[in-house]
Amino acid sequence: MEKKKIYYGWITVAGCTMIMATAMGIVFNCASLFIKPIAEDLGYSRSAVQMISTVFNIGNMAVSFLAGKIFTENNIVKLMKVSILVMVCCYFMNSMVSSIYLFYLIALINSVCMTLLTTMPISFIINNWFYEKGGLALGLASMGSGIGSAIFSALSGVWLTTMGWRNTYRLLALFVAVIAIPAVFFLVKLRPQDMGLEPYGKKAEGQQAAQNTGMSAKEVRKKPVFWILVVIAGLLGISMSAMYGNIAPHLSDIGYSTSFSANVLSVGMVALTGGKLLLGRIFDKVGVRNGFAFACLCLFGGLVAMLFAKSWIALAFLIISMGFGVSFGAVCFPLMLPAVFGKDSYRSIIGIVSAVLALGSAVAPSISGWIYDSFGTYNAAFIGGAVIMAAVTVIVWLVLPKKENEIK
């Protein structure tokens, strides 16, 4: 009896998961662990070091905004290959510099590389491979960032204490190299047609035509609801960064050890790993309006929990909230936009939304750093983020369509 072969699209998904686990799980999600060690060792203010995250998000914003022009039908994987090689070299260089301005330059380069390597190109590739089960495939790929963050946040907490931040950068760069480079060069393929395959679940011609209905990018940009969602993306970027970007330094400030703070971040990433898959299922079952509002409420809850983080109950709630409340760029917007506007415009409009999301994330670290330097605590940042999320939840509920009105 002939053994059934695994559809290669799932191997591509596995490669994308490996990329997300390192390029995003290490380079981006572990960044907050280095804020306090670098500031203390080199004598910089907390806000100056947090500006590294701001620069990173500015680069992400710029490249995301230009994504429609940068990415073509054929160059996606080629750009990913160049990006991973540059990223490994630059991330390793973090261990060799002492000037804050060199940290900013490295962050800018790495931000460009990460944008050309992770969420956006991966969503394009998965759309090429899957007509059906695209949400599952995207969830599996996106959960890589949670897996990588969970593992390497815990390891980094130990390494930072025992070996210092420079050697920790070197070890993490090594893991990015040995995991992500083979994935990009040997596992990820742009489209099934290049391998003589058809997209998973491809419909008959008539069905496929119906499946691709929706607005053009030009029509979408004329819709007020699109620009409302763009503004919401910026507010979400601010709120997510206010919570996630300050977890490790805030917990350390209120009395927890560096290792424990890193472990909380690590456990939160485990929750995020499962949360991405469950959030995709929630979107499928109850629609984008209910699913998006649920994610917003989780982020609101996480920000409130940060105010009471000395309590174990609040820490537990924070971890649960992280599972669903920081997946807007990787899961929520990629699933919501096609349901509201159709698939035809997705490649053109996701760049705008991602850019504004990154803009919000870029602004937040500087605000948080200024708040800390002024008041000696991040609490005002958490309160402001919670207020924003309360308003966003209401707006989302009002402007997004009910499940029966979504574009299929």
Protein backbone atom coordinates (compact mmCIF):
# COMPACT_ATOMS: atom_id res chain seq x y z
CA MET A 1 0.00 0.00 0.00
CA GLU A 2 1.45 3.37 -1.03
CA LYS A 3 2.09 5.70 1.85
CA LYS A 4 0.29 9.03 1.54
CA LYS A 5 2.71 11.93 1.27
CA ILE A 6 2.49 14.99 3.47
CA TYR A 7 1.25 17.98 1.52
CA TYR A 8 4.27 20.25 1.12
CA GLY A 9 2.30 23.28 2.21
CA TRP A 10 2.47 21.98 5.78
CA ILE A 11 6.26 21.70 5.50
CA THR A 12 6.32 25.32 4.39
CA VAL A 13 4.19 26.16 7.44
CA ALA A 14 6.72 24.33 9.64
CA GLY A 15 9.51 26.42 8.10
CA CYS A 16 7.52 29.59 8.77
CA THR A 17 7.02 28.50 12.38
CA MET A 18 10.79 28.13 12.78
CA ILE A 19 11.34 31.60 11.33
CA MET A 20 8.77 33.16 13.64
CA ALA A 21 10.26 31.34 16.65
CA THR A 22 13.65 32.97 16.11
CA ALA A 23 13.40 36.12 14.00
CA MET A 24 10.43 37.36 16.02
CA GLY A 25 10.52 35.17 19.13
CA ILE A 26 14.14 36.10 19.89
CA VAL A 27 15.03 39.31 18.08
CA PHE A 28 11.80 41.17 18.88
CA ASN A 29 10.05 39.45 21.78
CA CYS A 30 13.12 39.07 24.00
CA ALA A 31 14.22 42.70 23.55
CA SER A 32 12.66 43.97 26.79
CA LEU A 33 14.88 41.61 28.83
CA PHE A 34 17.93 43.66 27.85
CA ILE A 35 16.57 47.09 28.85
CA LYS A 36 17.61 47.05 32.50
CA PRO A 37 20.96 45.21 32.10
CA ILE A 38 22.15 47.54 29.31
CA ALA A 39 20.99 50.68 31.14
CA GLU A 40 22.75 49.65 34.35
CA ASP A 41 25.96 48.43 32.70
CA LEU A 42 26.48 51.32 30.28
CA GLY A 43 24.97 54.10 32.40
CA TYR A 44 22.18 55.11 30.05
CA SER A 45 18.72 56.19 31.19
CA ARG A 46 15.87 53.72 30.90
CA SER A 47 14.19 55.92 28.28
CA ALA A 48 17.37 56.03 26.15
CA VAL A 49 17.58 52.24 26.09
CA GLN A 50 13.87 51.87 25.43
CA MET A 51 14.38 54.11 22.42
CA ILE A 52 15.95 51.03 20.78
CA SER A 53 12.44 49.57 20.57
CA THR A 54 11.14 52.84 19.17
CA VAL A 55 13.74 52.83 16.39
CA PHE A 56 12.95 49.18 15.70
CA ASN A 57 9.27 49.93 15.29
CA ILE A 58 9.95 52.98 13.10
CA GLY A 59 11.85 50.76 10.67
CA ASN A 60 9.05 48.20 10.77
CA MET A 61 6.52 50.95 10.11
CA ALA A 62 8.38 52.35 7.10
CA VAL A 63 8.87 48.99 5.42
CA SER A 64 5.29 47.88 6.15
CA PHE A 65 3.92 51.05 4.57
CA LEU A 66 5.93 50.34 1.41
CA ALA A 67 5.17 46.61 1.40
CA GLY A 68 2.82 46.80 -1.56
CA LYS A 69 5.68 48.12 -3.70
CA ILE A 70 8.51 46.11 -2.14
CA PHE A 71 6.92 42.68 -2.41
CA THR A 72 6.17 41.35 -5.88
CA GLU A 73 4.74 38.02 -6.97
CA ASN A 74 8.21 36.49 -7.30
CA ASN A 75 10.66 38.16 -4.88
CA ILE A 76 9.21 37.29 -1.46
CA VAL A 77 11.45 34.31 -0.63
CA LYS A 78 14.50 35.99 -2.17
CA LEU A 79 14.04 38.97 0.17
CA MET A 80 13.60 36.59 3.10
CA LYS A 81 16.94 34.91 2.33
CA VAL A 82 18.85 38.18 2.26
CA SER A 83 17.06 39.41 5.39
CA ILE A 84 17.89 36.42 7.58
CA LEU A 85 21.60 36.60 6.75
CA VAL A 86 21.78 40.32 7.54
CA MET A 87 19.70 39.88 10.70
CA VAL A 88 21.98 37.21 12.17
CA CYS A 89 25.06 39.37 11.62
CA CYS A 90 23.48 42.52 13.04
CA TYR A 91 21.94 40.81 16.05
CA PHE A 92 25.34 39.33 16.94
CA MET A 93 26.86 42.82 16.68
CA ASN A 94 24.68 43.94 19.61
CA SER A 95 27.13 42.06 21.82
CA MET A 96 30.07 44.13 20.62
CA VAL A 97 28.89 47.74 20.91
CA SER A 98 28.65 50.24 23.77
CA SER A 99 27.36 53.35 21.98
CA ILE A 100 23.60 53.83 22.24
CA TYR A 101 23.61 55.19 18.70
CA LEU A 102 25.07 51.94 17.36
CA PHE A 103 22.29 50.08 19.17
CA TYR A 104 19.81 52.33 17.35
CA LEU A 105 21.45 51.65 13.97
CA ILE A 106 21.44 47.89 14.53
CA ALA A 107 17.80 48.02 15.63
CA LEU A 108 16.86 49.92 12.47
CA ILE A 109 18.55 47.35 10.22
CA ASN A 110 17.05 44.42 12.13
CA SER A 111 13.59 45.98 11.96
CA VAL A 112 13.77 46.12 8.17
CA CYS A 113 14.95 42.51 8.08
CA MET A 114 12.22 41.30 10.42
CA THR A 115 9.49 43.01 8.41
CA LEU A 116 10.76 41.41 5.19
CA LEU A 117 11.03 38.04 6.90
CA THR A 118 8.10 37.39 9.24
CA THR A 119 4.41 38.20 9.55
CA MET A 120 3.66 39.93 6.26
CA PRO A 121 5.56 37.72 3.77
CA ILE A 122 4.49 34.61 5.69
CA SER A 123 0.82 35.61 5.34
CA PHE A 124 1.35 36.08 1.59
CA ILE A 125 3.01 32.66 1.27
CA ILE A 126 0.28 30.88 3.24
CA ASN A 127 -2.39 32.54 1.10
CA ASN A 128 -0.60 31.06 -1.93
CA TRP A 129 -0.58 27.56 -0.48
CA PHE A 130 -4.01 27.34 1.19
CA TYR A 131 -7.50 27.99 -0.11
CA GLU A 132 -8.86 25.98 2.81
CA LYS A 133 -7.52 25.80 6.37
CA GLY A 134 -5.63 29.04 5.83
CA GLY A 135 -6.57 30.21 9.32
CA LEU A 136 -5.17 27.02 10.83
CA ALA A 137 -1.99 27.32 8.77
CA LEU A 138 -1.53 30.97 9.74
CA GLY A 139 -2.15 30.14 13.39
CA LEU A 140 0.43 27.34 13.32
CA ALA A 141 3.01 29.61 11.70
CA SER A 142 2.28 32.51 14.05
CA MET A 143 2.51 30.37 17.16
CA GLY A 144 6.22 30.03 16.43
CA SER A 145 6.84 33.47 17.94
CA GLY A 146 5.22 32.31 21.17
CA ILE A 147 7.18 29.07 21.25
CA GLY A 148 10.45 30.88 20.60
CA SER A 149 9.70 33.57 23.15
CA ALA A 150 8.72 31.02 25.80
CA ILE A 151 11.91 29.01 25.39
CA PHE A 152 14.39 31.80 24.87
CA SER A 153 12.93 34.22 27.43
CA ALA A 154 13.44 31.56 30.10
CA LEU A 155 16.95 30.76 28.87
CA SER A 156 17.83 34.44 28.58
CA GLY A 157 16.78 35.07 32.17
CA VAL A 158 19.36 32.51 33.29
CA TRP A 159 22.06 33.62 30.84
CA LEU A 160 21.67 37.32 31.70
CA THR A 161 22.28 36.49 35.36
CA THR A 162 25.14 34.06 34.87
CA MET A 163 26.91 35.28 31.70
CA GLY A 164 25.88 38.91 31.19
CA TRP A 165 23.98 40.58 28.40
CA ARG A 166 26.79 40.49 25.80
CA ASN A 167 27.21 36.71 25.89
CA THR A 168 23.44 36.32 25.94
CA TYR A 169 23.21 38.25 22.66
CA ARG A 170 25.87 35.95 21.16
CA LEU A 171 24.10 32.75 22.17
CA LEU A 172 20.74 33.99 20.92
CA ALA A 173 22.29 35.01 17.57
CA LEU A 174 23.63 31.47 17.23
CA PHE A 175 20.17 30.00 17.73
CA VAL A 176 18.68 32.37 15.14
CA ALA A 177 21.34 31.21 12.66
CA VAL A 178 21.00 27.46 13.13
CA ILE A 179 17.18 27.44 13.14
CA ALA A 180 16.03 30.21 10.79
CA ILE A 181 18.65 30.07 8.01
CA PRO A 182 17.92 26.41 7.05
CA ALA A 183 14.17 27.11 7.27
CA VAL A 184 14.36 30.04 4.84
CA PHE A 185 16.76 28.42 2.39
CA PHE A 186 15.46 24.86 2.33
CA LEU A 187 11.91 24.54 3.69
CA VAL A 188 9.87 27.60 2.69
CA LYS A 189 8.59 27.64 -0.89
CA LEU A 190 6.74 30.56 -2.42
CA ARG A 191 3.89 28.77 -4.18
CA PRO A 192 2.64 25.23 -4.84
CA GLN A 193 2.76 25.67 -8.61
CA ASP A 194 6.56 25.90 -8.44
CA MET A 195 6.57 22.30 -7.17
CA GLY A 196 3.91 20.99 -9.53
CA LEU A 197 1.21 21.13 -6.84
CA GLU A 198 -2.17 22.79 -6.43
CA PRO A 199 -3.16 24.99 -3.47
CA TYR A 200 -4.69 23.05 -0.60
CA GLY A 201 -8.47 22.79 -1.02
CA LYS A 202 -8.55 24.45 -4.43
CA LYS A 203 -12.12 24.84 -5.66
CA ALA A 204 -13.56 24.46 -9.10
CA GLU A 205 -13.21 27.55 -11.28
CA GLY A 206 -16.72 28.86 -10.58
CA GLN A 207 -16.39 28.34 -6.87
CA GLN A 208 -12.98 29.98 -6.83
CA ALA A 209 -14.29 33.07 -8.59
CA ALA A 210 -16.94 33.39 -5.92
CA GLN A 211 -14.37 32.90 -3.22
CA ASN A 212 -12.30 35.88 -4.39
CA THR A 213 -15.07 38.46 -4.35
CA GLY A 214 -14.45 41.67 -2.49
CA MET A 215 -13.47 45.30 -2.88
CA SER A 216 -10.46 46.59 -4.74
CA ALA A 217 -7.79 48.42 -2.76
CA LYS A 218 -9.00 51.70 -4.27
CA GLU A 219 -12.56 51.01 -3.10
CA VAL A 220 -11.37 50.04 0.38
CA ARG A 221 -9.43 53.29 0.80
CA LYS A 222 -12.66 55.23 0.17
CA LYS A 223 -14.43 53.50 3.05
CA PRO A 224 -14.52 55.39 6.40
CA VAL A 225 -14.53 52.07 8.26
CA PHE A 226 -11.10 51.25 6.83
CA TRP A 227 -9.57 54.45 8.22
CA ILE A 228 -11.27 53.84 11.56
CA LEU A 229 -9.55 50.45 11.63
CA VAL A 230 -6.25 52.09 10.70
CA VAL A 231 -6.55 54.45 13.70
CA ILE A 232 -7.46 51.47 15.87
CA ALA A 233 -4.30 49.71 14.67
CA GLY A 234 -2.20 52.61 15.96
CA LEU A 235 -3.97 52.59 19.33
CA LEU A 236 -3.49 48.84 19.60
CA GLY A 237 0.22 49.25 18.89
CA ILE A 238 0.50 51.74 21.75
CA SER A 239 -1.43 49.55 24.19
CA MET A 240 0.32 46.29 23.30
CA SER A 241 3.74 47.90 23.66
CA ALA A 242 2.74 49.55 26.95
CA MET A 243 1.97 46.13 28.39
CA TYR A 244 4.26 43.64 26.69
CA GLY A 245 7.32 45.86 26.33
CA ASN A 246 7.40 46.65 30.05
CA ILE A 247 6.64 43.30 31.66
CA ALA A 248 10.22 42.31 32.50
CA PRO A 249 11.46 45.71 33.80
CA HIS A 250 8.20 46.39 35.68
CA LEU A 251 8.24 43.04 37.49
CA SER A 252 11.90 43.54 38.34
CA ASP A 253 11.16 47.03 39.68
CA ILE A 254 8.42 45.82 42.04
CA GLY A 255 10.66 43.20 43.63
CA TYR A 256 10.78 40.09 41.46
CA SER A 257 14.13 38.68 40.39
CA THR A 258 15.41 39.03 36.82
CA SER A 259 15.06 35.28 36.33
CA PHE A 260 11.49 35.24 37.67
CA SER A 261 10.52 38.22 35.49
CA ALA A 262 11.91 36.42 32.44
CA ASN A 263 10.01 33.26 33.40
CA VAL A 264 6.71 35.18 33.60
CA LEU A 265 7.39 36.45 30.11
CA SER A 266 8.23 32.91 29.05
CA VAL A 267 5.03 31.42 30.47
CA GLY A 268 3.06 34.23 28.85
CA MET A 269 4.57 33.24 25.52
CA VAL A 270 3.44 29.65 26.11
CA ALA A 271 -0.07 31.02 26.63
CA LEU A 272 0.32 33.10 23.46
CA THR A 273 1.30 29.98 21.51
CA GLY A 274 -1.97 28.25 22.29
CA GLY A 275 -3.88 31.52 22.24
CA LYS A 276 -3.11 32.15 18.58
CA LEU A 277 -4.63 28.83 17.57
CA LEU A 278 -7.64 29.27 19.84
CA LEU A 279 -8.14 32.84 18.67
CA GLY A 280 -8.27 31.62 15.08
CA ARG A 281 -10.93 29.11 16.07
CA ILE A 282 -12.85 31.84 17.91
CA PHE A 283 -12.81 33.98 14.76
CA ASP A 284 -14.11 31.01 12.75
CA LYS A 285 -16.88 30.23 15.22
CA VAL A 286 -18.20 33.64 16.31
CA GLY A 287 -17.00 35.96 13.53
CA VAL A 288 -14.49 38.78 13.31
CA ARG A 289 -16.49 41.29 15.36
CA ASN A 290 -16.80 39.06 18.42
CA GLY A 291 -13.31 37.64 18.01
CA PHE A 292 -11.65 41.03 17.66
CA ALA A 293 -13.58 42.48 20.59
CA PHE A 294 -12.58 39.48 22.73
CA ALA A 295 -8.89 40.05 21.94
CA CYS A 296 -9.27 43.74 22.85
CA LEU A 297 -10.84 42.85 26.20
CA CYS A 298 -7.96 40.48 26.92
CA LEU A 299 -5.42 43.24 26.28
CA PHE A 300 -7.45 45.56 28.54
CA GLY A 301 -7.37 42.90 31.27
CA GLY A 302 -3.62 42.44 30.90
CA LEU A 303 -2.97 46.16 31.35
CA VAL A 304 -5.11 46.25 34.49
CA ALA A 305 -3.32 43.15 35.81
CA MET A 306 0.04 44.93 35.46
CA LEU A 307 -1.14 47.46 38.07
CA PHE A 308 -1.61 44.67 40.60
CA ALA A 309 1.29 42.45 39.56
CA LYS A 310 2.48 41.94 43.16
CA SER A 311 -0.49 39.60 43.48
CA TRP A 312 -0.14 36.05 42.16
CA ILE A 313 -3.76 36.18 41.01
CA ALA A 314 -2.98 39.26 38.89
CA LEU A 315 0.11 37.53 37.45
CA ALA A 316 -1.99 34.53 36.48
CA PHE A 317 -4.54 36.80 34.82
CA LEU A 318 -1.72 38.66 33.04
CA ILE A 319 -0.43 35.40 31.56
CA ILE A 320 -3.90 34.40 30.37
CA SER A 321 -4.44 37.85 28.89
CA MET A 322 -1.16 37.61 26.99
CA GLY A 323 -2.46 34.45 25.34
CA PHE A 324 -5.10 36.39 23.43
CA GLY A 325 -4.25 40.08 23.74
CA VAL A 326 -1.03 40.52 21.74
CA SER A 327 -1.91 38.71 18.50
CA PHE A 328 -3.35 41.60 16.50
CA GLY A 329 -0.55 41.86 13.94
CA ALA A 330 -0.04 38.12 13.48
CA VAL A 331 -3.61 36.81 13.67
CA CYS A 332 -6.42 39.35 14.19
CA PHE A 333 -5.82 41.77 11.31
CA PRO A 334 -4.82 39.05 8.77
CA LEU A 335 -8.09 37.23 9.53
CA MET A 336 -10.28 40.31 9.93
CA LEU A 337 -9.36 42.36 6.85
CA PRO A 338 -10.31 39.71 4.23
CA ALA A 339 -13.60 39.08 6.05
CA VAL A 340 -14.49 42.78 5.98
CA PHE A 341 -13.10 43.86 2.58
CA GLY A 342 -12.38 40.62 0.68
CA LYS A 343 -9.15 38.91 -0.33
CA ASP A 344 -8.48 40.88 -3.53
CA SER A 345 -7.35 44.00 -1.67
CA TYR A 346 -5.50 42.26 1.17
CA ARG A 347 -1.93 42.58 -0.11
CA SER A 348 -2.36 46.30 -0.71
CA ILE A 349 -4.11 47.28 2.53
CA ILE A 350 -2.34 45.07 5.08
CA GLY A 351 0.80 47.17 4.63
CA ILE A 352 -1.01 50.36 5.67
CA VAL A 353 -2.53 48.71 8.73
CA SER A 354 0.76 47.07 9.72
CA ALA A 355 2.62 50.36 9.32
CA VAL A 356 0.26 52.22 11.65
CA LEU A 357 0.33 49.32 14.12
CA ALA A 358 4.12 49.61 14.10
CA LEU A 359 3.86 53.40 14.50
CA GLY A 360 1.88 52.94 17.69
CA SER A 361 4.42 50.40 18.90
CA ALA A 362 7.22 52.84 18.04
CA VAL A 363 5.71 55.72 20.01
CA ALA A 364 4.87 53.71 23.13
CA PRO A 365 8.39 52.81 24.39
CA SER A 366 9.45 56.47 24.42
CA ILE A 367 6.28 57.43 26.29
CA SER A 368 6.77 54.57 28.75
CA GLY A 369 10.42 55.48 29.25
CA TRP A 370 9.53 59.13 29.88
CA ILE A 371 6.82 58.09 32.34
CA TYR A 372 9.30 55.87 34.22
CA ASP A 373 12.01 58.53 34.32
CA SER A 374 9.47 61.09 35.57
CA PHE A 375 7.58 59.01 38.14
CA GLY A 376 9.78 55.99 38.84
CA THR A 377 7.00 53.61 37.77
CA TYR A 378 5.20 52.47 34.62
CA ASN A 379 1.73 52.57 36.21
CA ALA A 380 0.55 55.65 34.31
CA ALA A 381 1.39 53.88 31.02
CA PHE A 382 -0.73 50.89 32.06
CA ILE A 383 -3.66 53.09 33.07
CA GLY A 384 -3.50 55.02 29.79
CA GLY A 385 -3.35 51.79 27.79
CA ALA A 386 -6.34 50.37 29.66
CA VAL A 387 -8.42 53.47 28.93
CA ILE A 388 -7.51 53.25 25.25
CA MET A 389 -8.50 49.58 25.10
CA ALA A 390 -11.86 50.20 26.74
CA ALA A 391 -12.67 52.74 24.01
CA VAL A 392 -11.28 50.53 21.21
CA THR A 393 -13.41 47.56 22.30
CA VAL A 394 -16.58 49.62 22.00
CA ILE A 395 -15.60 51.05 18.60
CA VAL A 396 -14.71 47.62 17.21
CA TRP A 397 -18.06 46.25 18.30
CA LEU A 398 -19.84 49.09 16.49
CA VAL A 399 -17.94 49.13 13.17
CA LEU A 400 -17.15 45.49 12.37
CA PRO A 401 -19.80 43.39 10.61
CA LYS A 402 -21.75 40.53 12.15
CA LYS A 403 -20.68 37.04 11.14
CA GLU A 404 -23.49 36.65 8.60
CA ASN A 405 -22.41 39.87 6.83
CA GLU A 406 -18.75 38.94 6.40
CA ILE A 407 -17.25 38.41 2.93
CA LYS A 408 -16.59 34.71 2.45
